Amino acid sequence: MHSSKIHKARKVPCLYLTEAILWGVGLVALAVMDPGGEHLFSLCPFSWIDFWFCPGCGLGHAIAFLFRGEWVASWKAHPLGLPVLVVLLWRVLVIIRNYRTLRYFYLNHTSNG
């Protein structure tokens, strides 16, 4: 195989792969965190400005409880924990599928010019 094709195939869907890795790392972090532990930091801008309400508060804890099989605690932390987890896992799978499709396309259907 020509080296320029290989070079293009490596560059093509890097954003897809980066997004999949970031979501995967985030889910693994939620899987290993202690949902009942001390609250260390938040990425939520509502939390930073000390706003009284945030529609996403508790989602991370809810997903972490789900990884431990604690369904009731997950529901109490945030009722949308399970749907959000399913959507995130679905997104990772779609990204990986798209990455593989684009990589295959560039390896087999691109010209050297």
PDB file of N, CA and C in Angstrom:
ATOM      1  N   MET A   1       0.844  -1.176   0.000  1.00  0.00           N
ATOM      2  CA  MET A   1       0.000   0.000   0.000  1.00  0.00           C
ATOM      3  C   MET A   1       0.891   1.242   0.000  1.00  0.00           C
ATOM      4  N   HIS A   2       0.443   2.250  -0.732  1.00  0.00           N
ATOM      5  CA  HIS A   2       1.216   3.474  -0.849  1.00  0.00           C
ATOM      6  C   HIS A   2       1.247   4.214   0.490  1.00  0.00           C
ATOM      7  N   SER A   3       2.373   4.862   0.781  1.00  0.00           N
ATOM      8  CA  SER A   3       2.534   5.489   2.093  1.00  0.00           C
ATOM      9  C   SER A   3       1.602   6.682   2.298  1.00  0.00           C
ATOM     10  N   SER A   4       1.237   7.419   1.208  1.00  0.00           N
ATOM     11  CA  SER A   4       0.313   8.550   1.388  1.00  0.00           C
ATOM     12  C   SER A   4      -1.074   8.077   1.779  1.00  0.00           C
ATOM     13  N   LYS A   5      -1.504   6.932   1.278  1.00  0.00           N
ATOM     14  CA  LYS A   5      -2.803   6.380   1.675  1.00  0.00           C
ATOM     15  C   LYS A   5      -2.789   6.023   3.163  1.00  0.00           C
ATOM     16  N   ILE A   6      -1.721   5.433   3.589  1.00  0.00           N
ATOM     17  CA  ILE A   6      -1.617   5.072   4.999  1.00  0.00           C
ATOM     18  C   ILE A   6      -1.613   6.329   5.861  1.00  0.00           C
ATOM     19  N   HIS A   7      -0.901   7.349   5.392  1.00  0.00           N
ATOM     20  CA  HIS A   7      -0.851   8.604   6.143  1.00  0.00           C
ATOM     21  C   HIS A   7      -2.240   9.231   6.249  1.00  0.00           C
ATOM     22  N   LYS A   8      -3.001   9.259   5.138  1.00  0.00           N
ATOM     23  CA  LYS A   8      -4.363   9.809   5.163  1.00  0.00           C
ATOM     24  C   LYS A   8      -5.260   8.992   6.074  1.00  0.00           C
ATOM     25  N   ALA A   9      -5.140   7.693   5.999  1.00  0.00           N
ATOM     26  CA  ALA A   9      -5.991   6.828   6.819  1.00  0.00           C
ATOM     27  C   ALA A   9      -5.730   7.030   8.302  1.00  0.00           C
ATOM     28  N   ARG A  10      -4.536   7.365   8.645  1.00  0.00           N
ATOM     29  CA  ARG A  10      -4.224   7.598  10.051  1.00  0.00           C
ATOM     30  C   ARG A  10      -4.767   8.939  10.531  1.00  0.00           C
ATOM     31  N   LYS A  11      -4.806   9.938   9.640  1.00  0.00           N
ATOM     32  CA  LYS A  11      -5.239  11.272  10.031  1.00  0.00           C
ATOM     33  C   LYS A  11      -6.754  11.434  10.034  1.00  0.00           C
ATOM     34  N   VAL A  12      -7.418  10.684   9.179  1.00  0.00           N
ATOM     35  CA  VAL A  12      -8.827  10.962   8.860  1.00  0.00           C
ATOM     36  C   VAL A  12      -9.730  11.127  10.077  1.00  0.00           C
ATOM     37  N   PRO A  13     -10.101  10.079  10.694  1.00  0.00           N
ATOM     38  CA  PRO A  13     -11.129  10.243  11.725  1.00  0.00           C
ATOM     39  C   PRO A  13     -10.574  10.391  13.135  1.00  0.00           C
ATOM     40  N   CYS A  14      -9.513  11.159  13.271  1.00  0.00           N
ATOM     41  CA  CYS A  14      -8.909  11.336  14.587  1.00  0.00           C
ATOM     42  C   CYS A  14      -9.886  11.972  15.572  1.00  0.00           C
ATOM     43  N   LEU A  15     -10.741  12.858  15.086  1.00  0.00           N
ATOM     44  CA  LEU A  15     -11.706  13.476  15.991  1.00  0.00           C
ATOM     45  C   LEU A  15     -12.694  12.445  16.532  1.00  0.00           C
ATOM     46  N   TYR A  16     -13.121  11.532  15.653  1.00  0.00           N
ATOM     47  CA  TYR A  16     -14.015  10.478  16.122  1.00  0.00           C
ATOM     48  C   TYR A  16     -13.356   9.682  17.229  1.00  0.00           C
ATOM     49  N   LEU A  17     -12.131   9.279  16.976  1.00  0.00           N
ATOM     50  CA  LEU A  17     -11.427   8.456  17.946  1.00  0.00           C
ATOM     51  C   LEU A  17     -11.174   9.227  19.240  1.00  0.00           C
ATOM     52  N   THR A  18     -10.837  10.498  19.130  1.00  0.00           N
ATOM     53  CA  THR A  18     -10.598  11.314  20.322  1.00  0.00           C
ATOM     54  C   THR A  18     -11.869  11.419  21.161  1.00  0.00           C
ATOM     55  N   GLU A  19     -12.999  11.648  20.514  1.00  0.00           N
ATOM     56  CA  GLU A  19     -14.255  11.744  21.251  1.00  0.00           C
ATOM     57  C   GLU A  19     -14.595  10.422  21.934  1.00  0.00           C
ATOM     58  N   ALA A  20     -14.402   9.323  21.224  1.00  0.00           N
ATOM     59  CA  ALA A  20     -14.687   8.011  21.820  1.00  0.00           C
ATOM     60  C   ALA A  20     -13.796   7.761  23.030  1.00  0.00           C
ATOM     61  N   ILE A  21     -12.542   8.132  22.922  1.00  0.00           N
ATOM     62  CA  ILE A  21     -11.615   7.931  24.045  1.00  0.00           C
ATOM     63  C   ILE A  21     -12.029   8.796  25.238  1.00  0.00           C
ATOM     64  N   LEU A  22     -12.398  10.054  24.963  1.00  0.00           N
ATOM     65  CA  LEU A  22     -12.801  10.934  26.067  1.00  0.00           C
ATOM     66  C   LEU A  22     -14.055  10.421  26.773  1.00  0.00           C
ATOM     67  N   TRP A  23     -15.047   9.983  25.994  1.00  0.00           N
ATOM     68  CA  TRP A  23     -16.249   9.422  26.624  1.00  0.00           C
ATOM     69  C   TRP A  23     -15.912   8.156  27.397  1.00  0.00           C
ATOM     70  N   GLY A  24     -15.070   7.317  26.810  1.00  0.00           N
ATOM     71  CA  GLY A  24     -14.682   6.073  27.487  1.00  0.00           C
ATOM     72  C   GLY A  24     -13.957   6.342  28.798  1.00  0.00           C
ATOM     73  N   VAL A  25     -13.036   7.290  28.768  1.00  0.00           N
ATOM     74  CA  VAL A  25     -12.300   7.641  29.987  1.00  0.00           C
ATOM     75  C   VAL A  25     -13.269   8.199  31.039  1.00  0.00           C
ATOM     76  N   GLY A  26     -14.195   9.022  30.606  1.00  0.00           N
ATOM     77  CA  GLY A  26     -15.182   9.567  31.531  1.00  0.00           C
ATOM     78  C   GLY A  26     -16.035   8.483  32.173  1.00  0.00           C
ATOM     79  N   LEU A  27     -16.463   7.519  31.362  1.00  0.00           N
ATOM     80  CA  LEU A  27     -17.283   6.433  31.909  1.00  0.00           C
ATOM     81  C   LEU A  27     -16.481   5.545  32.850  1.00  0.00           C
ATOM     82  N   VAL A  28     -15.223   5.294  32.503  1.00  0.00           N
ATOM     83  CA  VAL A  28     -14.371   4.496  33.397  1.00  0.00           C
ATOM     84  C   VAL A  28     -14.151   5.248  34.712  1.00  0.00           C
ATOM     85  N   ALA A  29     -13.943   6.567  34.624  1.00  0.00           N
ATOM     86  CA  ALA A  29     -13.776   7.361  35.845  1.00  0.00           C
ATOM     87  C   ALA A  29     -15.020   7.268  36.724  1.00  0.00           C
ATOM     88  N   LEU A  30     -16.198   7.308  36.099  1.00  0.00           N
ATOM     89  CA  LEU A  30     -17.432   7.179  36.880  1.00  0.00           C
ATOM     90  C   LEU A  30     -17.561   5.778  37.469  1.00  0.00           C
ATOM     91  N   ALA A  31     -17.073   4.782  36.730  1.00  0.00           N
ATOM     92  CA  ALA A  31     -17.169   3.403  37.211  1.00  0.00           C
ATOM     93  C   ALA A  31     -16.283   3.166  38.429  1.00  0.00           C
ATOM     94  N   VAL A  32     -15.163   3.855  38.510  1.00  0.00           N
ATOM     95  CA  VAL A  32     -14.243   3.600  39.627  1.00  0.00           C
ATOM     96  C   VAL A  32     -14.412   4.594  40.776  1.00  0.00           C
ATOM     97  N   MET A  33     -15.177   5.674  40.556  1.00  0.00           N
ATOM     98  CA  MET A  33     -15.333   6.651  41.636  1.00  0.00           C
ATOM     99  C   MET A  33     -16.270   6.122  42.707  1.00  0.00           C
ATOM    100  N   ASP A  34     -16.128   6.697  43.877  1.00  0.00           N
ATOM    101  CA  ASP A  34     -17.018   6.358  44.983  1.00  0.00           C
ATOM    102  C   ASP A  34     -18.164   7.369  44.981  1.00  0.00           C
ATOM    103  N   PRO A  35     -19.352   6.951  44.553  1.00  0.00           N
ATOM    104  CA  PRO A  35     -20.447   7.920  44.438  1.00  0.00           C
ATOM    105  C   PRO A  35     -20.907   8.465  45.789  1.00  0.00           C
ATOM    106  N   GLY A  36     -20.626   7.765  46.848  1.00  0.00           N
ATOM    107  CA  GLY A  36     -21.016   8.240  48.168  1.00  0.00           C
ATOM    108  C   GLY A  36     -19.912   9.025  48.854  1.00  0.00           C
ATOM    109  N   GLY A  37     -18.771   9.168  48.155  1.00  0.00           N
ATOM    110  CA  GLY A  37     -17.619   9.832  48.742  1.00  0.00           C
ATOM    111  C   GLY A  37     -17.734  11.341  48.721  1.00  0.00           C
ATOM    112  N   GLU A  38     -16.670  11.956  49.165  1.00  0.00           N
ATOM    113  CA  GLU A  38     -16.631  13.410  49.246  1.00  0.00           C
ATOM    114  C   GLU A  38     -16.640  14.023  47.852  1.00  0.00           C
ATOM    115  N   HIS A  39     -17.337  15.126  47.698  1.00  0.00           N
ATOM    116  CA  HIS A  39     -17.434  15.856  46.437  1.00  0.00           C
ATOM    117  C   HIS A  39     -16.166  16.700  46.288  1.00  0.00           C
ATOM    118  N   LEU A  40     -15.291  16.325  45.334  1.00  0.00           N
ATOM    119  CA  LEU A  40     -14.011  17.003  45.220  1.00  0.00           C
ATOM    120  C   LEU A  40     -14.075  18.233  44.322  1.00  0.00           C
ATOM    121  N   PHE A  41     -14.579  18.072  43.124  1.00  0.00           N
ATOM    122  CA  PHE A  41     -14.675  19.192  42.196  1.00  0.00           C
ATOM    123  C   PHE A  41     -15.827  18.931  41.238  1.00  0.00           C
ATOM    124  N   SER A  42     -16.186  19.948  40.496  1.00  0.00           N
ATOM    125  CA  SER A  42     -17.262  19.814  39.523  1.00  0.00           C
ATOM    126  C   SER A  42     -16.876  20.535  38.243  1.00  0.00           C
ATOM    127  N   LEU A  43     -17.307  19.999  37.134  1.00  0.00           N
ATOM    128  CA  LEU A  43     -17.121  20.662  35.847  1.00  0.00           C
ATOM    129  C   LEU A  43     -18.331  21.531  35.496  1.00  0.00           C
ATOM    130  N   CYS A  44     -19.313  21.546  36.357  1.00  0.00           N
ATOM    131  CA  CYS A  44     -20.570  22.255  36.101  1.00  0.00           C
ATOM    132  C   CYS A  44     -20.409  23.760  36.328  1.00  0.00           C
ATOM    133  N   PRO A  45     -20.744  24.579  35.328  1.00  0.00           N
ATOM    134  CA  PRO A  45     -20.650  26.030  35.514  1.00  0.00           C
ATOM    135  C   PRO A  45     -21.661  26.557  36.537  1.00  0.00           C
ATOM    136  N   PHE A  46     -22.806  25.878  36.676  1.00  0.00           N
ATOM    137  CA  PHE A  46     -23.777  26.293  37.699  1.00  0.00           C
ATOM    138  C   PHE A  46     -23.177  26.144  39.092  1.00  0.00           C
ATOM    139  N   SER A  47     -22.414  25.090  39.289  1.00  0.00           N
ATOM    140  CA  SER A  47     -21.761  24.869  40.581  1.00  0.00           C
ATOM    141  C   SER A  47     -20.710  25.936  40.848  1.00  0.00           C
ATOM    142  N   TRP A  48     -20.000  26.351  39.806  1.00  0.00           N
ATOM    143  CA  TRP A  48     -18.944  27.353  39.978  1.00  0.00           C
ATOM    144  C   TRP A  48     -19.506  28.697  40.447  1.00  0.00           C
ATOM    145  N   ILE A  49     -20.703  29.053  39.928  1.00  0.00           N
ATOM    146  CA  ILE A  49     -21.274  30.344  40.315  1.00  0.00           C
ATOM    147  C   ILE A  49     -22.215  30.196  41.500  1.00  0.00           C
ATOM    148  N   ASP A  50     -22.228  28.997  42.077  1.00  0.00           N
ATOM    149  CA  ASP A  50     -23.032  28.723  43.267  1.00  0.00           C
ATOM    150  C   ASP A  50     -24.520  28.975  43.036  1.00  0.00           C
ATOM    151  N   PHE A  51     -24.968  28.580  41.828  1.00  0.00           N
ATOM    152  CA  PHE A  51     -26.375  28.706  41.479  1.00  0.00           C
ATOM    153  C   PHE A  51     -27.157  27.631  42.218  1.00  0.00           C
ATOM    154  N   TRP A  52     -28.384  27.882  42.569  1.00  0.00           N
ATOM    155  CA  TRP A  52     -29.158  26.966  43.405  1.00  0.00           C
ATOM    156  C   TRP A  52     -29.705  25.747  42.654  1.00  0.00           C
ATOM    157  N   PHE A  53     -29.746  25.806  41.323  1.00  0.00           N
ATOM    158  CA  PHE A  53     -30.347  24.705  40.581  1.00  0.00           C
ATOM    159  C   PHE A  53     -29.498  24.348  39.364  1.00  0.00           C
ATOM    160  N   CYS A  54     -29.383  23.066  39.122  1.00  0.00           N
ATOM    161  CA  CYS A  54     -28.722  22.576  37.911  1.00  0.00           C
ATOM    162  C   CYS A  54     -29.465  21.316  37.467  1.00  0.00           C
ATOM    163  N   PRO A  55     -29.921  21.276  36.213  1.00  0.00           N
ATOM    164  CA  PRO A  55     -30.670  20.107  35.758  1.00  0.00           C
ATOM    165  C   PRO A  55     -29.831  18.839  35.657  1.00  0.00           C
ATOM    166  N   GLY A  56     -28.523  18.980  35.637  1.00  0.00           N
ATOM    167  CA  GLY A  56     -27.656  17.798  35.513  1.00  0.00           C
ATOM    168  C   GLY A  56     -27.055  17.335  36.818  1.00  0.00           C
ATOM    169  N   CYS A  57     -27.313  18.048  37.895  1.00  0.00           N
ATOM    170  CA  CYS A  57     -26.721  17.669  39.175  1.00  0.00           C
ATOM    171  C   CYS A  57     -27.155  16.256  39.579  1.00  0.00           C
ATOM    172  N   GLY A  58     -26.176  15.449  39.875  1.00  0.00           N
ATOM    173  CA  GLY A  58     -26.433  14.080  40.307  1.00  0.00           C
ATOM    174  C   GLY A  58     -26.288  13.047  39.211  1.00  0.00           C
ATOM    175  N   LEU A  59     -26.133  13.470  37.951  1.00  0.00           N
ATOM    176  CA  LEU A  59     -26.021  12.487  36.864  1.00  0.00           C
ATOM    177  C   LEU A  59     -24.771  11.615  37.011  1.00  0.00           C
ATOM    178  N   GLY A  60     -23.660  12.231  37.347  1.00  0.00           N
ATOM    179  CA  GLY A  60     -22.424  11.455  37.534  1.00  0.00           C
ATOM    180  C   GLY A  60     -22.571  10.449  38.656  1.00  0.00           C
ATOM    181  N   HIS A  61     -23.159  10.884  39.750  1.00  0.00           N
ATOM    182  CA  HIS A  61     -23.379   9.959  40.864  1.00  0.00           C
ATOM    183  C   HIS A  61     -24.347   8.848  40.456  1.00  0.00           C
ATOM    184  N   ALA A  62     -25.392   9.218  39.725  1.00  0.00           N
ATOM    185  CA  ALA A  62     -26.369   8.214  39.291  1.00  0.00           C
ATOM    186  C   ALA A  62     -25.715   7.146  38.422  1.00  0.00           C
ATOM    187  N   ILE A  63     -24.850   7.565  37.507  1.00  0.00           N
ATOM    188  CA  ILE A  63     -24.157   6.601  36.636  1.00  0.00           C
ATOM    189  C   ILE A  63     -23.182   5.763  37.451  1.00  0.00           C
ATOM    190  N   ALA A  64     -22.486   6.387  38.393  1.00  0.00           N
ATOM    191  CA  ALA A  64     -21.561   5.629  39.241  1.00  0.00           C
ATOM    192  C   ALA A  64     -22.309   4.584  40.068  1.00  0.00           C
ATOM    193  N   PHE A  65     -23.478   4.949  40.571  1.00  0.00           N
ATOM    194  CA  PHE A  65     -24.288   3.966  41.310  1.00  0.00           C
ATOM    195  C   PHE A  65     -24.720   2.829  40.393  1.00  0.00           C
ATOM    196  N   LEU A  66     -25.036   3.152  39.143  1.00  0.00           N
ATOM    197  CA  LEU A  66     -25.438   2.097  38.195  1.00  0.00           C
ATOM    198  C   LEU A  66     -24.317   1.098  37.966  1.00  0.00           C
ATOM    199  N   PHE A  67     -23.085   1.575  37.877  1.00  0.00           N
ATOM    200  CA  PHE A  67     -21.955   0.658  37.684  1.00  0.00           C
ATOM    201  C   PHE A  67     -21.791  -0.286  38.873  1.00  0.00           C
ATOM    202  N   ARG A  68     -22.321   0.093  40.021  1.00  0.00           N
ATOM    203  CA  ARG A  68     -22.265  -0.758  41.209  1.00  0.00           C
ATOM    204  C   ARG A  68     -23.533  -1.588  41.402  1.00  0.00           C
ATOM    205  N   GLY A  69     -24.477  -1.414  40.486  1.00  0.00           N
ATOM    206  CA  GLY A  69     -25.718  -2.163  40.574  1.00  0.00           C
ATOM    207  C   GLY A  69     -26.687  -1.620  41.608  1.00  0.00           C
ATOM    208  N   GLU A  70     -26.461  -0.400  42.057  1.00  0.00           N
ATOM    209  CA  GLU A  70     -27.335   0.203  43.063  1.00  0.00           C
ATOM    210  C   GLU A  70     -28.396   1.053  42.352  1.00  0.00           C
ATOM    211  N   TRP A  71     -29.458   0.412  41.917  1.00  0.00           N
ATOM    212  CA  TRP A  71     -30.484   1.035  41.086  1.00  0.00           C
ATOM    213  C   TRP A  71     -31.271   2.105  41.839  1.00  0.00           C
ATOM    214  N   VAL A  72     -31.626   1.803  43.065  1.00  0.00           N
ATOM    215  CA  VAL A  72     -32.436   2.756  43.842  1.00  0.00           C
ATOM    216  C   VAL A  72     -31.625   4.022  44.136  1.00  0.00           C
ATOM    217  N   ALA A  73     -30.372   3.835  44.549  1.00  0.00           N
ATOM    218  CA  ALA A  73     -29.515   4.990  44.831  1.00  0.00           C
ATOM    219  C   ALA A  73     -29.305   5.808  43.558  1.00  0.00           C
ATOM    220  N   SER A  74     -29.178   5.115  42.423  1.00  0.00           N
ATOM    221  CA  SER A  74     -29.022   5.813  41.150  1.00  0.00           C
ATOM    222  C   SER A  74     -30.257   6.653  40.851  1.00  0.00           C
ATOM    223  N   TRP A  75     -31.419   6.080  41.035  1.00  0.00           N
ATOM    224  CA  TRP A  75     -32.678   6.799  40.781  1.00  0.00           C
ATOM    225  C   TRP A  75     -32.790   8.021  41.683  1.00  0.00           C
ATOM    226  N   LYS A  76     -32.383   7.848  42.946  1.00  0.00           N
ATOM    227  CA  LYS A  76     -32.460   8.971  43.887  1.00  0.00           C
ATOM    228  C   LYS A  76     -31.454  10.069  43.534  1.00  0.00           C
ATOM    229  N   ALA A  77     -30.294   9.675  43.024  1.00  0.00           N
ATOM    230  CA  ALA A  77     -29.287  10.677  42.652  1.00  0.00           C
ATOM    231  C   ALA A  77     -29.759  11.495  41.450  1.00  0.00           C
ATOM    232  N   HIS A  78     -30.312  10.803  40.444  1.00  0.00           N
ATOM    233  CA  HIS A  78     -30.874  11.485  39.267  1.00  0.00           C
ATOM    234  C   HIS A  78     -31.654  10.463  38.451  1.00  0.00           C
ATOM    235  N   PRO A  79     -32.925  10.690  38.205  1.00  0.00           N
ATOM    236  CA  PRO A  79     -33.744   9.707  37.476  1.00  0.00           C
ATOM    237  C   PRO A  79     -33.276   9.448  36.036  1.00  0.00           C
ATOM    238  N   LEU A  80     -32.526  10.340  35.462  1.00  0.00           N
ATOM    239  CA  LEU A  80     -32.082  10.146  34.075  1.00  0.00           C
ATOM    240  C   LEU A  80     -30.718   9.459  33.976  1.00  0.00           C
ATOM    241  N   GLY A  81     -30.224   8.920  35.058  1.00  0.00           N
ATOM    242  CA  GLY A  81     -28.912   8.265  35.039  1.00  0.00           C
ATOM    243  C   GLY A  81     -28.835   7.117  34.046  1.00  0.00           C
ATOM    244  N   LEU A  82     -29.814   6.224  34.066  1.00  0.00           N
ATOM    245  CA  LEU A  82     -29.799   5.078  33.160  1.00  0.00           C
ATOM    246  C   LEU A  82     -29.932   5.496  31.694  1.00  0.00           C
ATOM    247  N   PRO A  83     -30.904   6.359  31.347  1.00  0.00           N
ATOM    248  CA  PRO A  83     -30.973   6.789  29.936  1.00  0.00           C
ATOM    249  C   PRO A  83     -29.701   7.494  29.469  1.00  0.00           C
ATOM    250  N   VAL A  84     -29.101   8.294  30.314  1.00  0.00           N
ATOM    251  CA  VAL A  84     -27.867   8.989  29.922  1.00  0.00           C
ATOM    252  C   VAL A  84     -26.739   7.986  29.712  1.00  0.00           C
ATOM    253  N   LEU A  85     -26.644   6.994  30.584  1.00  0.00           N
ATOM    254  CA  LEU A  85     -25.612   5.969  30.415  1.00  0.00           C
ATOM    255  C   LEU A  85     -25.797   5.213  29.099  1.00  0.00           C
ATOM    256  N   VAL A  86     -27.045   4.868  28.784  1.00  0.00           N
ATOM    257  CA  VAL A  86     -27.326   4.155  27.526  1.00  0.00           C
ATOM    258  C   VAL A  86     -26.948   5.029  26.325  1.00  0.00           C
ATOM    259  N   VAL A  87     -27.295   6.299  26.382  1.00  0.00           N
ATOM    260  CA  VAL A  87     -26.961   7.212  25.276  1.00  0.00           C
ATOM    261  C   VAL A  87     -25.451   7.357  25.122  1.00  0.00           C
ATOM    262  N   LEU A  88     -24.741   7.473  26.223  1.00  0.00           N
ATOM    263  CA  LEU A  88     -23.281   7.614  26.135  1.00  0.00           C
ATOM    264  C   LEU A  88     -22.632   6.354  25.579  1.00  0.00           C
ATOM    265  N   LEU A  89     -23.080   5.195  26.030  1.00  0.00           N
ATOM    266  CA  LEU A  89     -22.522   3.945  25.495  1.00  0.00           C
ATOM    267  C   LEU A  89     -22.848   3.808  24.010  1.00  0.00           C
ATOM    268  N   TRP A  90     -24.061   4.171  23.632  1.00  0.00           N
ATOM    269  CA  TRP A  90     -24.466   4.139  22.221  1.00  0.00           C
ATOM    270  C   TRP A  90     -23.580   5.072  21.390  1.00  0.00           C
ATOM    271  N   ARG A  91     -23.334   6.268  21.934  1.00  0.00           N
ATOM    272  CA  ARG A  91     -22.494   7.240  21.220  1.00  0.00           C
ATOM    273  C   ARG A  91     -21.083   6.688  20.992  1.00  0.00           C
ATOM    274  N   VAL A  92     -20.520   6.066  22.001  1.00  0.00           N
ATOM    275  CA  VAL A  92     -19.174   5.501  21.858  1.00  0.00           C
ATOM    276  C   VAL A  92     -19.170   4.428  20.772  1.00  0.00           C
ATOM    277  N   LEU A  93     -20.186   3.579  20.760  1.00  0.00           N
ATOM    278  CA  LEU A  93     -20.253   2.523  19.742  1.00  0.00           C
ATOM    279  C   LEU A  93     -20.407   3.109  18.340  1.00  0.00           C
ATOM    280  N   VAL A  94     -21.243   4.145  18.199  1.00  0.00           N
ATOM    281  CA  VAL A  94     -21.438   4.780  16.890  1.00  0.00           C
ATOM    282  C   VAL A  94     -20.138   5.432  16.416  1.00  0.00           C
ATOM    283  N   ILE A  95     -19.445   6.089  17.327  1.00  0.00           N
ATOM    284  CA  ILE A  95     -18.186   6.744  16.964  1.00  0.00           C
ATOM    285  C   ILE A  95     -17.170   5.718  16.489  1.00  0.00           C
ATOM    286  N   ILE A  96     -17.056   4.626  17.201  1.00  0.00           N
ATOM    287  CA  ILE A  96     -16.093   3.588  16.817  1.00  0.00           C
ATOM    288  C   ILE A  96     -16.470   2.994  15.457  1.00  0.00           C
ATOM    289  N   ARG A  97     -17.775   2.767  15.239  1.00  0.00           N
ATOM    290  CA  ARG A  97     -18.219   2.250  13.936  1.00  0.00           C
ATOM    291  C   ARG A  97     -17.894   3.235  12.817  1.00  0.00           C
ATOM    292  N   ASN A  98     -18.156   4.527  13.047  1.00  0.00           N
ATOM    293  CA  ASN A  98     -17.850   5.540  12.036  1.00  0.00           C
ATOM    294  C   ASN A  98     -16.353   5.637  11.788  1.00  0.00           C
ATOM    295  N   TYR A  99     -15.587   5.545  12.836  1.00  0.00           N
ATOM    296  CA  TYR A  99     -14.131   5.587  12.690  1.00  0.00           C
ATOM    297  C   TYR A  99     -13.651   4.441  11.798  1.00  0.00           C
ATOM    298  N   ARG A 100     -14.145   3.263  12.071  1.00  0.00           N
ATOM    299  CA  ARG A 100     -13.728   2.090  11.281  1.00  0.00           C
ATOM    300  C   ARG A 100     -14.175   2.228   9.824  1.00  0.00           C
ATOM    301  N   THR A 101     -15.394   2.748   9.612  1.00  0.00           N
ATOM    302  CA  THR A 101     -15.900   2.928   8.248  1.00  0.00           C
ATOM    303  C   THR A 101     -15.057   3.940   7.489  1.00  0.00           C
ATOM    304  N   LEU A 102     -14.785   5.085   8.113  1.00  0.00           N
ATOM    305  CA  LEU A 102     -13.984   6.109   7.444  1.00  0.00           C
ATOM    306  C   LEU A 102     -12.561   5.631   7.181  1.00  0.00           C
ATOM    307  N   ARG A 103     -12.012   4.929   8.126  1.00  0.00           N
ATOM    308  CA  ARG A 103     -10.650   4.414   7.943  1.00  0.00           C
ATOM    309  C   ARG A 103     -10.609   3.431   6.765  1.00  0.00           C
ATOM    310  N   TYR A 104     -11.606   2.550   6.715  1.00  0.00           N
ATOM    311  CA  TYR A 104     -11.675   1.598   5.607  1.00  0.00           C
ATOM    312  C   TYR A 104     -11.824   2.337   4.289  1.00  0.00           C
ATOM    313  N   PHE A 105     -12.694   3.373   4.264  1.00  0.00           N
ATOM    314  CA  PHE A 105     -12.912   4.140   3.047  1.00  0.00           C
ATOM    315  C   PHE A 105     -11.610   4.769   2.571  1.00  0.00           C
ATOM    316  N   TYR A 106     -10.900   5.433   3.458  1.00  0.00           N
ATOM    317  CA  TYR A 106      -9.672   6.109   3.047  1.00  0.00           C
ATOM    318  C   TYR A 106      -8.574   5.139   2.652  1.00  0.00           C
ATOM    319  N   LEU A 107      -8.576   3.979   3.246  1.00  0.00           N
ATOM    320  CA  LEU A 107      -7.572   2.986   2.871  1.00  0.00           C
ATOM    321  C   LEU A 107      -7.851   2.385   1.502  1.00  0.00           C
ATOM    322  N   ASN A 108      -9.135   2.294   1.135  1.00  0.00           N
ATOM    323  CA  ASN A 108      -9.482   1.575  -0.084  1.00  0.00           C
ATOM    324  C   ASN A 108     -10.057   2.411  -1.218  1.00  0.00           C
ATOM    325  N   HIS A 109     -10.464   3.652  -0.965  1.00  0.00           N
ATOM    326  CA  HIS A 109     -11.133   4.419  -2.003  1.00  0.00           C
ATOM    327  C   HIS A 109     -10.531   5.775  -2.292  1.00  0.00           C
ATOM    328  N   THR A 110      -9.451   6.105  -1.728  1.00  0.00           N
ATOM    329  CA  THR A 110      -8.858   7.404  -2.006  1.00  0.00           C
ATOM    330  C   THR A 110      -7.727   7.231  -3.007  1.00  0.00           C
ATOM    331  N   SER A 111      -7.569   8.279  -3.826  1.00  0.00           N
ATOM    332  CA  SER A 111      -6.491   8.220  -4.809  1.00  0.00           C
ATOM    333  C   SER A 111      -5.258   8.898  -4.237  1.00  0.00           C
ATOM    334  N   ASN A 112      -4.170   8.801  -4.918  1.00  0.00           N
ATOM    335  CA  ASN A 112      -2.930   9.408  -4.451  1.00  0.00           C
ATOM    336  C   ASN A 112      -2.870  10.891  -4.760  1.00  0.00           C
ATOM    337  N   GLY A 113      -3.736  11.405  -5.611  1.00  0.00           N
ATOM    338  CA  GLY A 113      -3.669  12.793  -5.998  1.00  0.00           C
ATOM    339  C   GLY A 113      -4.492  13.644  -5.228  1.00  0.00           C
TER     340      GLY A 113
END
